[in-house]
């Protein structure tokens, strides 16, 4: 069962877990709407991680594990941000799943 997300004049299909079915439909407005559905207001620190993960996926075709993502964040933005607690503070509960969803990426296969 899929549902949809209506943004401006675009109707985007979501899978049963709320992830975009067509990744090419993603843009900033879509991210804002998906974040809103998750109860999040996106700030600059959220966007840093969203763009980092989208770039990683674009270059590798993969979704990293949380551990790999934390290491990537540390490398890109410094050790103080490269901690699981930092991820949890921005994307509570299931950070990797939430970032992927908001970034328009597939659901991580290593997340339950």
C-alpha atoms as a PDB file:
ATOM      1  CA  UNK A   1       0.000   0.000   0.000  1.00  0.00           C
ATOM      2  CA  UNK A   2       1.461   3.341  -0.983  1.00  0.00           C
ATOM      3  CA  UNK A   3       0.420   6.845  -0.126  1.00  0.00           C
ATOM      4  CA  UNK A   4       1.213  10.146  -1.722  1.00  0.00           C
ATOM      5  CA  UNK A   5       2.709  13.484  -0.875  1.00  0.00           C
ATOM      6  CA  UNK A   6       1.341  16.550  -2.649  1.00  0.00           C
ATOM      7  CA  UNK A   7       3.788  19.428  -2.959  1.00  0.00           C
ATOM      8  CA  UNK A   8       3.030  22.397  -5.159  1.00  0.00           C
ATOM      9  CA  UNK A   9       1.667  20.689  -8.280  1.00  0.00           C
ATOM     10  CA  UNK A  10       3.611  17.460  -7.802  1.00  0.00           C
ATOM     11  CA  UNK A  11       2.062  14.301  -6.448  1.00  0.00           C
ATOM     12  CA  UNK A  12       4.803  11.980  -5.240  1.00  0.00           C
ATOM     13  CA  UNK A  13       4.324   8.328  -4.396  1.00  0.00           C
ATOM     14  CA  UNK A  14       5.555   7.091  -1.044  1.00  0.00           C
ATOM     15  CA  UNK A  15       6.032   3.471  -0.032  1.00  0.00           C
ATOM     16  CA  UNK A  16       4.294   1.957   2.994  1.00  0.00           C
ATOM     17  CA  UNK A  17       7.075   3.316   5.245  1.00  0.00           C
ATOM     18  CA  UNK A  18       6.852   6.872   3.882  1.00  0.00           C
ATOM     19  CA  UNK A  19       9.956   6.793   1.659  1.00  0.00           C
ATOM     20  CA  UNK A  20       9.882   8.292  -1.836  1.00  0.00           C
ATOM     21  CA  UNK A  21       9.339   5.669  -4.504  1.00  0.00           C
ATOM     22  CA  UNK A  22      10.999   7.790  -7.196  1.00  0.00           C
ATOM     23  CA  UNK A  23      14.183   9.378  -5.882  1.00  0.00           C
ATOM     24  CA  UNK A  24      14.337  11.836  -8.800  1.00  0.00           C
ATOM     25  CA  UNK A  25      11.277  13.624  -7.397  1.00  0.00           C
ATOM     26  CA  UNK A  26      13.226  14.898  -4.387  1.00  0.00           C
ATOM     27  CA  UNK A  27      13.937  18.576  -3.823  1.00  0.00           C
ATOM     28  CA  UNK A  28      14.117  20.989  -0.885  1.00  0.00           C
ATOM     29  CA  UNK A  29      10.328  21.375  -0.680  1.00  0.00           C
ATOM     30  CA  UNK A  30       9.913  17.592  -0.591  1.00  0.00           C
ATOM     31  CA  UNK A  31      12.520  17.339   2.170  1.00  0.00           C
ATOM     32  CA  UNK A  32      10.729  20.013   4.202  1.00  0.00           C
ATOM     33  CA  UNK A  33       7.393  18.213   3.808  1.00  0.00           C
ATOM     34  CA  UNK A  34       8.878  14.833   4.752  1.00  0.00           C
ATOM     35  CA  UNK A  35      10.627  16.379   7.760  1.00  0.00           C
ATOM     36  CA  UNK A  36       7.365  17.987   8.816  1.00  0.00           C
ATOM     37  CA  UNK A  37       5.695  14.566   8.720  1.00  0.00           C
ATOM     38  CA  UNK A  38       8.476  13.384  11.055  1.00  0.00           C
ATOM     39  CA  UNK A  39       7.901  16.341  13.379  1.00  0.00           C
ATOM     40  CA  UNK A  40      11.196  18.019  12.468  1.00  0.00           C
ATOM     41  CA  UNK A  41      11.992  21.563  11.402  1.00  0.00           C
ATOM     42  CA  UNK A  42      15.141  21.510   9.298  1.00  0.00           C
ATOM     43  CA  UNK A  43      17.999  23.823  10.219  1.00  0.00           C
ATOM     44  CA  UNK A  44      21.437  24.242   8.674  1.00  0.00           C
ATOM     45  CA  UNK A  45      22.893  21.324  10.657  1.00  0.00           C
ATOM     46  CA  UNK A  46      20.157  19.007   9.373  1.00  0.00           C
ATOM     47  CA  UNK A  47      20.867  20.133   5.812  1.00  0.00           C
ATOM     48  CA  UNK A  48      24.608  19.438   6.226  1.00  0.00           C
ATOM     49  CA  UNK A  49      23.836  15.816   7.012  1.00  0.00           C
ATOM     50  CA  UNK A  50      21.140  15.473   4.349  1.00  0.00           C
ATOM     51  CA  UNK A  51      23.518  16.740   1.647  1.00  0.00           C
ATOM     52  CA  UNK A  52      26.374  14.610   2.980  1.00  0.00           C
ATOM     53  CA  UNK A  53      24.256  11.462   2.818  1.00  0.00           C
ATOM     54  CA  UNK A  54      22.832  12.311  -0.625  1.00  0.00           C
ATOM     55  CA  UNK A  55      26.360  12.902  -1.966  1.00  0.00           C
ATOM     56  CA  UNK A  56      27.573   9.617  -0.452  1.00  0.00           C
ATOM     57  CA  UNK A  57      24.655   7.773  -2.056  1.00  0.00           C
ATOM     58  CA  UNK A  58      25.148   9.493  -5.401  1.00  0.00           C
ATOM     59  CA  UNK A  59      28.835   8.552  -5.490  1.00  0.00           C
ATOM     60  CA  UNK A  60      28.557   5.002  -4.142  1.00  0.00           C
ATOM     61  CA  UNK A  61      24.971   3.908  -4.746  1.00  0.00           C
ATOM     62  CA  UNK A  62      24.928   2.774  -1.111  1.00  0.00           C
ATOM     63  CA  UNK A  63      23.402   3.791   2.190  1.00  0.00           C
ATOM     64  CA  UNK A  64      26.080   3.621   4.893  1.00  0.00           C
ATOM     65  CA  UNK A  65      25.544   2.024   8.264  1.00  0.00           C
ATOM     66  CA  UNK A  66      25.122   4.437  11.161  1.00  0.00           C
ATOM     67  CA  UNK A  67      28.695   3.742  12.281  1.00  0.00           C
ATOM     68  CA  UNK A  68      30.068   4.582   8.818  1.00  0.00           C
ATOM     69  CA  UNK A  69      27.892   7.701   8.650  1.00  0.00           C
ATOM     70  CA  UNK A  70      29.194   8.906  12.018  1.00  0.00           C
ATOM     71  CA  UNK A  71      32.785   8.450  10.781  1.00  0.00           C
ATOM     72  CA  UNK A  72      31.960  10.318   7.580  1.00  0.00           C
ATOM     73  CA  UNK A  73      30.432  13.171   9.585  1.00  0.00           C
ATOM     74  CA  UNK A  74      33.564  13.356  11.765  1.00  0.00           C
ATOM     75  CA  UNK A  75      35.751  13.499   8.661  1.00  0.00           C
ATOM     76  CA  UNK A  76      33.650  16.195   6.969  1.00  0.00           C
ATOM     77  CA  UNK A  77      32.523  18.343   9.898  1.00  0.00           C
ATOM     78  CA  UNK A  78      34.873  17.563  12.788  1.00  0.00           C
ATOM     79  CA  UNK A  79      35.114  15.148  15.684  1.00  0.00           C
ATOM     80  CA  UNK A  80      32.588  16.958  17.884  1.00  0.00           C
ATOM     81  CA  UNK A  81      29.855  16.367  15.285  1.00  0.00           C
ATOM     82  CA  UNK A  82      31.091  12.856  14.513  1.00  0.00           C
ATOM     83  CA  UNK A  83      29.248  11.219  17.387  1.00  0.00           C
ATOM     84  CA  UNK A  84      26.057   9.173  17.557  1.00  0.00           C
ATOM     85  CA  UNK A  85      24.715  11.590  20.187  1.00  0.00           C
ATOM     86  CA  UNK A  86      24.950  14.424  17.647  1.00  0.00           C
ATOM     87  CA  UNK A  87      22.931  12.404  15.130  1.00  0.00           C
ATOM     88  CA  UNK A  88      20.344  11.567  17.780  1.00  0.00           C
ATOM     89  CA  UNK A  89      20.030  15.219  18.796  1.00  0.00           C
ATOM     90  CA  UNK A  90      19.103  16.205  15.232  1.00  0.00           C
ATOM     91  CA  UNK A  91      17.171  13.109  14.157  1.00  0.00           C
ATOM     92  CA  UNK A  92      15.758  11.458  17.320  1.00  0.00           C
ATOM     93  CA  UNK A  93      14.911   7.759  17.616  1.00  0.00           C
ATOM     94  CA  UNK A  94      16.181   6.278  14.335  1.00  0.00           C
ATOM     95  CA  UNK A  95      18.570   8.854  12.850  1.00  0.00           C
ATOM     96  CA  UNK A  96      19.703   6.942   9.768  1.00  0.00           C
ATOM     97  CA  UNK A  97      16.153   6.027   8.760  1.00  0.00           C
ATOM     98  CA  UNK A  98      14.954   9.603   9.258  1.00  0.00           C
ATOM     99  CA  UNK A  99      17.830  11.175   7.345  1.00  0.00           C
ATOM    100  CA  UNK A 100      17.322   8.750   4.462  1.00  0.00           C
ATOM    101  CA  UNK A 101      13.601   9.415   4.364  1.00  0.00           C
ATOM    102  CA  UNK A 102      13.983  13.198   4.419  1.00  0.00           C
ATOM    103  CA  UNK A 103      16.869  13.055   1.926  1.00  0.00           C
ATOM    104  CA  UNK A 104      14.688  11.143  -0.539  1.00  0.00           C
ATOM    105  CA  UNK A 105      16.861   8.038  -0.348  1.00  0.00           C
ATOM    106  CA  UNK A 106      15.858   4.381  -0.004  1.00  0.00           C
ATOM    107  CA  UNK A 107      15.175   2.908   3.406  1.00  0.00           C
ATOM    108  CA  UNK A 108      18.387   1.505   4.876  1.00  0.00           C
ATOM    109  CA  UNK A 109      18.330  -2.271   4.621  1.00  0.00           C
ATOM    110  CA  UNK A 110      20.265  -2.698   7.859  1.00  0.00           C
ATOM    111  CA  UNK A 111      17.572  -0.879   9.887  1.00  0.00           C
ATOM    112  CA  UNK A 112      14.610  -2.779  11.275  1.00  0.00           C
END
